[in-house]
Amino acid sequence: MADTPITTLKLLIIGESGVGKSSLLLRFTDDTFDPEVAATIGVDFKVKTMTVNGNPVKLAIWDTAGQERFRTLTPSYYRGAQGVILVYDVTSRSSFQKLEMWLGEVDAYANRPGMVKMLVANKIDNKKDRVITRDDGLKFARKHSTLFIECSARTADNVPTAFEELVEKIIQTPGLWEQNLAAKGVNLDDQTVAVEAPCGGYCSVL
């Protein structure tokens, strides 16, 4: 069938608490923005299908908590991911400084060689409070060989483009997605997704 996804990709959104990870996900999946969105507890999860080069691709997107007390919940969710979006807040120098730590977690826990990484600078609509420049982000991305884009979940600026560019890069690397993912808990027939580890009450599947 023409509308059957050619594959299901597991994507992660990581970064410090408060950088807007959940807002980016909500903007991408539902095209909405909630300024009062609550901090993620553990891991949140959404599924969205998008078309890449004429082919439908299903995305299973995991939004991970940035708080230290939930950090022990996240390592198992790195396994099997083809792409990761690393988010920082352009108005928060500390969120930018913690990027090295987050990349260290990716290297430590991800088990898929060639995982595509994208650095996302969020909250670019807040020009008066901005402390991290575009050049700062570009230098970091070049140093660590990641894709890079600046976004605003509030205004939707570049949010779809971020996900599109990440997915296109993954699809251009067949070794990342061509295998049958059903064994990893993704059932393409009934369009359900099972987690690889118990959620422990902290995982909401939307």
C-alpha atoms as a PDB file:
ATOM      1  CA  MET A   1       0.000   0.000   0.000  1.00  0.00           C
ATOM      2  CA  ALA A   2       1.204   3.466  -0.873  1.00  0.00           C
ATOM      3  CA  ASP A   3       0.452   4.814   2.582  1.00  0.00           C
ATOM      4  CA  THR A   4       2.302   2.052   4.452  1.00  0.00           C
ATOM      5  CA  PRO A   5       5.404   3.503   6.160  1.00  0.00           C
ATOM      6  CA  ILE A   6       8.662   2.247   4.690  1.00  0.00           C
ATOM      7  CA  THR A   7      10.104   2.174   8.199  1.00  0.00           C
ATOM      8  CA  THR A   8       9.629   3.358  11.765  1.00  0.00           C
ATOM      9  CA  LEU A   9      12.356   5.542  13.206  1.00  0.00           C
ATOM     10  CA  LYS A  10      13.080   6.024  16.881  1.00  0.00           C
ATOM     11  CA  LEU A  11      14.038   9.629  17.678  1.00  0.00           C
ATOM     12  CA  LEU A  12      15.080  11.102  21.018  1.00  0.00           C
ATOM     13  CA  ILE A  13      14.808  14.680  22.239  1.00  0.00           C
ATOM     14  CA  ILE A  14      17.331  15.416  24.987  1.00  0.00           C
ATOM     15  CA  GLY A  15      18.711  18.415  26.859  1.00  0.00           C
ATOM     16  CA  GLU A  16      18.397  20.283  30.129  1.00  0.00           C
ATOM     17  CA  SER A  17      15.058  20.839  31.836  1.00  0.00           C
ATOM     18  CA  GLY A  18      13.277  23.991  30.647  1.00  0.00           C
ATOM     19  CA  VAL A  19      14.916  24.291  27.220  1.00  0.00           C
ATOM     20  CA  GLY A  20      11.605  23.571  25.472  1.00  0.00           C
ATOM     21  CA  LYS A  21      11.902  19.907  24.466  1.00  0.00           C
ATOM     22  CA  SER A  22       8.234  19.140  25.125  1.00  0.00           C
ATOM     23  CA  SER A  23       7.171  22.360  23.405  1.00  0.00           C
ATOM     24  CA  LEU A  24       9.158  21.443  20.292  1.00  0.00           C
ATOM     25  CA  LEU A  25       7.531  18.010  20.225  1.00  0.00           C
ATOM     26  CA  LEU A  26       4.049  19.444  20.739  1.00  0.00           C
ATOM     27  CA  ARG A  27       4.600  22.034  18.019  1.00  0.00           C
ATOM     28  CA  PHE A  28       5.816  19.375  15.577  1.00  0.00           C
ATOM     29  CA  THR A  29       3.151  16.742  16.267  1.00  0.00           C
ATOM     30  CA  ASP A  30       0.093  18.909  17.029  1.00  0.00           C
ATOM     31  CA  ASP A  31       1.150  22.376  15.803  1.00  0.00           C
ATOM     32  CA  THR A  32       0.250  23.893  19.154  1.00  0.00           C
ATOM     33  CA  PHE A  33       2.128  25.776  21.863  1.00  0.00           C
ATOM     34  CA  ASP A  34       1.331  25.769  25.560  1.00  0.00           C
ATOM     35  CA  PRO A  35       3.360  28.308  27.574  1.00  0.00           C
ATOM     36  CA  GLU A  36       2.344  26.483  30.759  1.00  0.00           C
ATOM     37  CA  VAL A  37       3.392  23.008  29.630  1.00  0.00           C
ATOM     38  CA  ALA A  38       4.571  20.981  32.605  1.00  0.00           C
ATOM     39  CA  ALA A  39       8.067  19.573  32.889  1.00  0.00           C
ATOM     40  CA  THR A  40       8.342  16.026  31.582  1.00  0.00           C
ATOM     41  CA  ILE A  41       8.488  13.372  34.280  1.00  0.00           C
ATOM     42  CA  GLY A  42      10.584  10.476  33.049  1.00  0.00           C
ATOM     43  CA  VAL A  43       9.794  10.015  29.354  1.00  0.00           C
ATOM     44  CA  ASP A  44       6.937  11.194  27.148  1.00  0.00           C
ATOM     45  CA  PHE A  45       6.175   9.681  23.778  1.00  0.00           C
ATOM     46  CA  LYS A  46       4.396  10.568  20.534  1.00  0.00           C
ATOM     47  CA  VAL A  47       4.023   9.018  17.090  1.00  0.00           C
ATOM     48  CA  LYS A  48       3.813  10.988  13.862  1.00  0.00           C
ATOM     49  CA  THR A  49       3.991   9.979  10.205  1.00  0.00           C
ATOM     50  CA  MET A  50       5.700  12.258   7.718  1.00  0.00           C
ATOM     51  CA  THR A  51       6.580  11.977   4.039  1.00  0.00           C
ATOM     52  CA  VAL A  52      10.245  11.941   3.015  1.00  0.00           C
ATOM     53  CA  ASN A  53      11.100  11.936  -0.694  1.00  0.00           C
ATOM     54  CA  GLY A  54       7.607  10.691  -1.475  1.00  0.00           C
ATOM     55  CA  ASN A  55       7.706   7.871   1.082  1.00  0.00           C
ATOM     56  CA  PRO A  56       5.766   7.796   4.375  1.00  0.00           C
ATOM     57  CA  VAL A  57       7.956   7.319   7.441  1.00  0.00           C
ATOM     58  CA  LYS A  58       6.615   6.746  10.937  1.00  0.00           C
ATOM     59  CA  LEU A  59       8.423   8.538  13.757  1.00  0.00           C
ATOM     60  CA  ALA A  60       8.373   7.274  17.329  1.00  0.00           C
ATOM     61  CA  ILE A  61       9.606  10.323  19.250  1.00  0.00           C
ATOM     62  CA  TRP A  62      10.760  10.088  22.873  1.00  0.00           C
ATOM     63  CA  ASP A  63      10.869  13.285  24.921  1.00  0.00           C
ATOM     64  CA  THR A  64      13.200  12.697  27.871  1.00  0.00           C
ATOM     65  CA  ALA A  65      13.249  14.526  31.190  1.00  0.00           C
ATOM     66  CA  GLY A  66      16.128  16.888  31.821  1.00  0.00           C
ATOM     67  CA  GLN A  67      15.970  16.794  35.617  1.00  0.00           C
ATOM     68  CA  GLU A  68      18.782  14.980  37.351  1.00  0.00           C
ATOM     69  CA  ARG A  69      16.428  12.948  39.553  1.00  0.00           C
ATOM     70  CA  PHE A  70      14.915  11.254  36.495  1.00  0.00           C
ATOM     71  CA  ARG A  71      18.220  10.689  34.697  1.00  0.00           C
ATOM     72  CA  THR A  72      18.364   7.026  35.706  1.00  0.00           C
ATOM     73  CA  LEU A  73      15.147   6.384  33.767  1.00  0.00           C
ATOM     74  CA  THR A  74      16.570   7.421  30.423  1.00  0.00           C
ATOM     75  CA  PRO A  75      19.552   5.166  29.474  1.00  0.00           C
ATOM     76  CA  SER A  76      17.391   2.289  28.214  1.00  0.00           C
ATOM     77  CA  TYR A  77      15.577   4.639  25.853  1.00  0.00           C
ATOM     78  CA  TYR A  78      18.771   5.470  23.963  1.00  0.00           C
ATOM     79  CA  ARG A  79      18.996   1.901  22.690  1.00  0.00           C
ATOM     80  CA  GLY A  80      17.926   1.432  19.100  1.00  0.00           C
ATOM     81  CA  ALA A  81      17.488   5.137  18.322  1.00  0.00           C
ATOM     82  CA  GLN A  82      18.419   6.273  14.827  1.00  0.00           C
ATOM     83  CA  GLY A  83      18.397   9.988  15.593  1.00  0.00           C
ATOM     84  CA  VAL A  84      18.727  12.374  18.504  1.00  0.00           C
ATOM     85  CA  ILE A  85      17.756  16.041  18.826  1.00  0.00           C
ATOM     86  CA  LEU A  86      19.931  17.840  21.354  1.00  0.00           C
ATOM     87  CA  VAL A  87      18.184  21.012  22.523  1.00  0.00           C
ATOM     88  CA  TYR A  88      19.495  24.095  24.296  1.00  0.00           C
ATOM     89  CA  ASP A  89      17.901  27.431  25.177  1.00  0.00           C
ATOM     90  CA  VAL A  90      19.574  30.451  23.563  1.00  0.00           C
ATOM     91  CA  THR A  91      18.687  32.492  26.660  1.00  0.00           C
ATOM     92  CA  SER A  92      20.383  30.024  29.035  1.00  0.00           C
ATOM     93  CA  ARG A  93      24.162  29.756  29.042  1.00  0.00           C
ATOM     94  CA  SER A  94      24.050  26.816  31.450  1.00  0.00           C
ATOM     95  CA  SER A  95      21.892  24.766  29.060  1.00  0.00           C
ATOM     96  CA  PHE A  96      24.504  25.353  26.355  1.00  0.00           C
ATOM     97  CA  GLN A  97      27.366  24.451  28.665  1.00  0.00           C
ATOM     98  CA  LYS A  98      25.689  21.138  29.544  1.00  0.00           C
ATOM     99  CA  LEU A  99      25.654  19.995  25.891  1.00  0.00           C
ATOM    100  CA  GLU A 100      28.970  18.180  26.279  1.00  0.00           C
ATOM    101  CA  MET A 101      27.480  16.127  29.113  1.00  0.00           C
ATOM    102  CA  TRP A 102      24.439  15.201  27.042  1.00  0.00           C
ATOM    103  CA  LEU A 103      26.582  14.157  24.088  1.00  0.00           C
ATOM    104  CA  GLY A 104      28.555  12.018  26.510  1.00  0.00           C
ATOM    105  CA  GLU A 105      25.334  10.232  27.461  1.00  0.00           C
ATOM    106  CA  VAL A 106      24.546   9.606  23.798  1.00  0.00           C
ATOM    107  CA  ASP A 107      27.990   8.114  23.229  1.00  0.00           C
ATOM    108  CA  ALA A 108      27.686   6.000  26.374  1.00  0.00           C
ATOM    109  CA  TYR A 109      24.174   4.621  25.898  1.00  0.00           C
ATOM    110  CA  ALA A 110      23.331   4.657  22.191  1.00  0.00           C
ATOM    111  CA  ASN A 111      24.022   1.330  20.518  1.00  0.00           C
ATOM    112  CA  ARG A 112      23.383   2.160  16.867  1.00  0.00           C
ATOM    113  CA  PRO A 113      26.533   3.155  14.945  1.00  0.00           C
ATOM    114  CA  GLY A 114      26.095   6.243  12.822  1.00  0.00           C
ATOM    115  CA  MET A 115      23.183   7.671  14.805  1.00  0.00           C
ATOM    116  CA  VAL A 116      22.341  11.078  13.337  1.00  0.00           C
ATOM    117  CA  LYS A 117      22.605  13.972  15.782  1.00  0.00           C
ATOM    118  CA  MET A 118      21.015  17.395  15.422  1.00  0.00           C
ATOM    119  CA  LEU A 119      21.734  20.399  17.615  1.00  0.00           C
ATOM    120  CA  VAL A 120      18.676  22.632  18.049  1.00  0.00           C
ATOM    121  CA  ALA A 121      18.870  26.166  19.431  1.00  0.00           C
ATOM    122  CA  ASN A 122      15.412  26.915  20.828  1.00  0.00           C
ATOM    123  CA  LYS A 123      13.639  30.131  21.909  1.00  0.00           C
ATOM    124  CA  ILE A 124      15.158  32.359  19.207  1.00  0.00           C
ATOM    125  CA  ASP A 125      11.988  34.477  19.421  1.00  0.00           C
ATOM    126  CA  ASN A 126      13.272  35.847  22.754  1.00  0.00           C
ATOM    127  CA  LYS A 127      15.795  38.235  21.230  1.00  0.00           C
ATOM    128  CA  LYS A 128      16.208  40.549  24.210  1.00  0.00           C
ATOM    129  CA  ASP A 129      17.328  37.767  26.581  1.00  0.00           C
ATOM    130  CA  ARG A 130      19.492  35.883  24.114  1.00  0.00           C
ATOM    131  CA  VAL A 131      23.015  35.078  25.332  1.00  0.00           C
ATOM    132  CA  ILE A 132      24.087  32.257  22.965  1.00  0.00           C
ATOM    133  CA  THR A 133      24.756  33.432  19.416  1.00  0.00           C
ATOM    134  CA  ARG A 134      24.195  31.536  16.194  1.00  0.00           C
ATOM    135  CA  ASP A 135      27.971  31.359  15.762  1.00  0.00           C
ATOM    136  CA  ASP A 136      28.273  29.722  19.184  1.00  0.00           C
ATOM    137  CA  GLY A 137      25.874  27.000  18.084  1.00  0.00           C
ATOM    138  CA  LEU A 138      27.532  26.539  14.707  1.00  0.00           C
ATOM    139  CA  LYS A 139      30.971  26.136  16.272  1.00  0.00           C
ATOM    140  CA  PHE A 140      29.693  23.501  18.682  1.00  0.00           C
ATOM    141  CA  ALA A 141      27.895  21.637  15.889  1.00  0.00           C
ATOM    142  CA  ARG A 142      30.970  21.635  13.665  1.00  0.00           C
ATOM    143  CA  LYS A 143      33.181  20.468  16.512  1.00  0.00           C
ATOM    144  CA  HIS A 144      30.929  17.490  17.179  1.00  0.00           C
ATOM    145  CA  SER A 145      29.808  16.812  13.580  1.00  0.00           C
ATOM    146  CA  THR A 146      26.112  17.374  14.211  1.00  0.00           C
ATOM    147  CA  LEU A 147      23.393  18.988  12.140  1.00  0.00           C
ATOM    148  CA  PHE A 148      22.382  22.434  13.405  1.00  0.00           C
ATOM    149  CA  ILE A 149      19.275  24.592  13.249  1.00  0.00           C
ATOM    150  CA  GLU A 150      17.758  27.463  15.233  1.00  0.00           C
ATOM    151  CA  CYS A 151      14.072  27.182  16.194  1.00  0.00           C
ATOM    152  CA  SER A 152      11.233  28.692  18.147  1.00  0.00           C
ATOM    153  CA  ALA A 153       8.571  26.360  19.484  1.00  0.00           C
ATOM    154  CA  ARG A 154       6.490  29.445  20.340  1.00  0.00           C
ATOM    155  CA  THR A 155       6.380  30.812  16.782  1.00  0.00           C
ATOM    156  CA  ALA A 156       6.930  27.445  15.011  1.00  0.00           C
ATOM    157  CA  ASP A 157       9.931  28.939  13.214  1.00  0.00           C
ATOM    158  CA  ASN A 158      12.006  26.078  11.700  1.00  0.00           C
ATOM    159  CA  VAL A 159      10.445  23.370  13.897  1.00  0.00           C
ATOM    160  CA  PRO A 160       9.135  21.194  11.025  1.00  0.00           C
ATOM    161  CA  THR A 161      12.386  21.786   9.152  1.00  0.00           C
ATOM    162  CA  ALA A 162      14.440  20.464  12.077  1.00  0.00           C
ATOM    163  CA  PHE A 163      12.621  17.134  12.092  1.00  0.00           C
ATOM    164  CA  GLU A 164      12.550  16.930   8.293  1.00  0.00           C
ATOM    165  CA  GLU A 165      16.295  17.464   7.964  1.00  0.00           C
ATOM    166  CA  LEU A 166      17.053  14.931  10.693  1.00  0.00           C
ATOM    167  CA  VAL A 167      14.815  12.268   9.137  1.00  0.00           C
ATOM    168  CA  GLU A 168      16.125  12.933   5.625  1.00  0.00           C
ATOM    169  CA  LYS A 169      19.680  12.432   6.864  1.00  0.00           C
ATOM    170  CA  ILE A 170      18.702   9.141   8.513  1.00  0.00           C
ATOM    171  CA  ILE A 171      16.951   7.908   5.355  1.00  0.00           C
ATOM    172  CA  GLN A 172      20.097   8.753   3.391  1.00  0.00           C
ATOM    173  CA  THR A 173      21.925   6.253   5.620  1.00  0.00           C
ATOM    174  CA  PRO A 174      20.183   2.929   4.847  1.00  0.00           C
ATOM    175  CA  GLY A 175      22.139   0.973   7.442  1.00  0.00           C
ATOM    176  CA  LEU A 176      20.334   2.942  10.153  1.00  0.00           C
ATOM    177  CA  TRP A 177      16.798   1.930   9.226  1.00  0.00           C
ATOM    178  CA  GLU A 178      16.592  -0.798   6.621  1.00  0.00           C
ATOM    179  CA  GLN A 179      16.431  -3.685   9.100  1.00  0.00           C
ATOM    180  CA  ASN A 180      13.109  -5.041  10.329  1.00  0.00           C
ATOM    181  CA  LEU A 181      12.282  -3.128  13.509  1.00  0.00           C
ATOM    182  CA  ALA A 182       9.467  -5.375  14.656  1.00  0.00           C
ATOM    183  CA  ALA A 183      11.861  -7.243  16.926  1.00  0.00           C
ATOM    184  CA  LYS A 184      12.636  -3.986  18.701  1.00  0.00           C
ATOM    185  CA  GLY A 185       9.046  -3.558  19.839  1.00  0.00           C
ATOM    186  CA  VAL A 186       7.676  -1.611  16.858  1.00  0.00           C
ATOM    187  CA  ASN A 187       4.700  -3.318  15.221  1.00  0.00           C
ATOM    188  CA  LEU A 188       4.068  -1.814  11.814  1.00  0.00           C
ATOM    189  CA  ASP A 189       0.861  -3.820  11.237  1.00  0.00           C
ATOM    190  CA  ASP A 190      -1.251  -2.479  14.084  1.00  0.00           C
ATOM    191  CA  GLN A 191       0.731   0.752  14.455  1.00  0.00           C
ATOM    192  CA  THR A 192       1.471   0.218  18.114  1.00  0.00           C
ATOM    193  CA  VAL A 193       4.759   0.822  19.821  1.00  0.00           C
ATOM    194  CA  ALA A 194       5.961  -1.066  22.881  1.00  0.00           C
ATOM    195  CA  VAL A 195       8.728   0.273  25.065  1.00  0.00           C
ATOM    196  CA  GLU A 196      11.863  -1.798  25.589  1.00  0.00           C
ATOM    197  CA  ALA A 197      11.879  -1.263  29.341  1.00  0.00           C
ATOM    198  CA  PRO A 198       9.127  -0.759  31.930  1.00  0.00           C
ATOM    199  CA  CYS A 199       8.030   2.834  32.296  1.00  0.00           C
ATOM    200  CA  GLY A 200       7.619   2.520  36.029  1.00  0.00           C
ATOM    201  CA  GLY A 201       4.630   4.826  35.892  1.00  0.00           C
ATOM    202  CA  TYR A 202       6.601   7.672  34.377  1.00  0.00           C
ATOM    203  CA  CYS A 203       5.916   7.092  30.679  1.00  0.00           C
ATOM    204  CA  SER A 204       2.828   8.507  29.003  1.00  0.00           C
ATOM    205  CA  VAL A 205       1.977   7.201  25.548  1.00  0.00           C
ATOM    206  CA  LEU A 206      -0.082   9.760  23.677  1.00  0.00           C
END
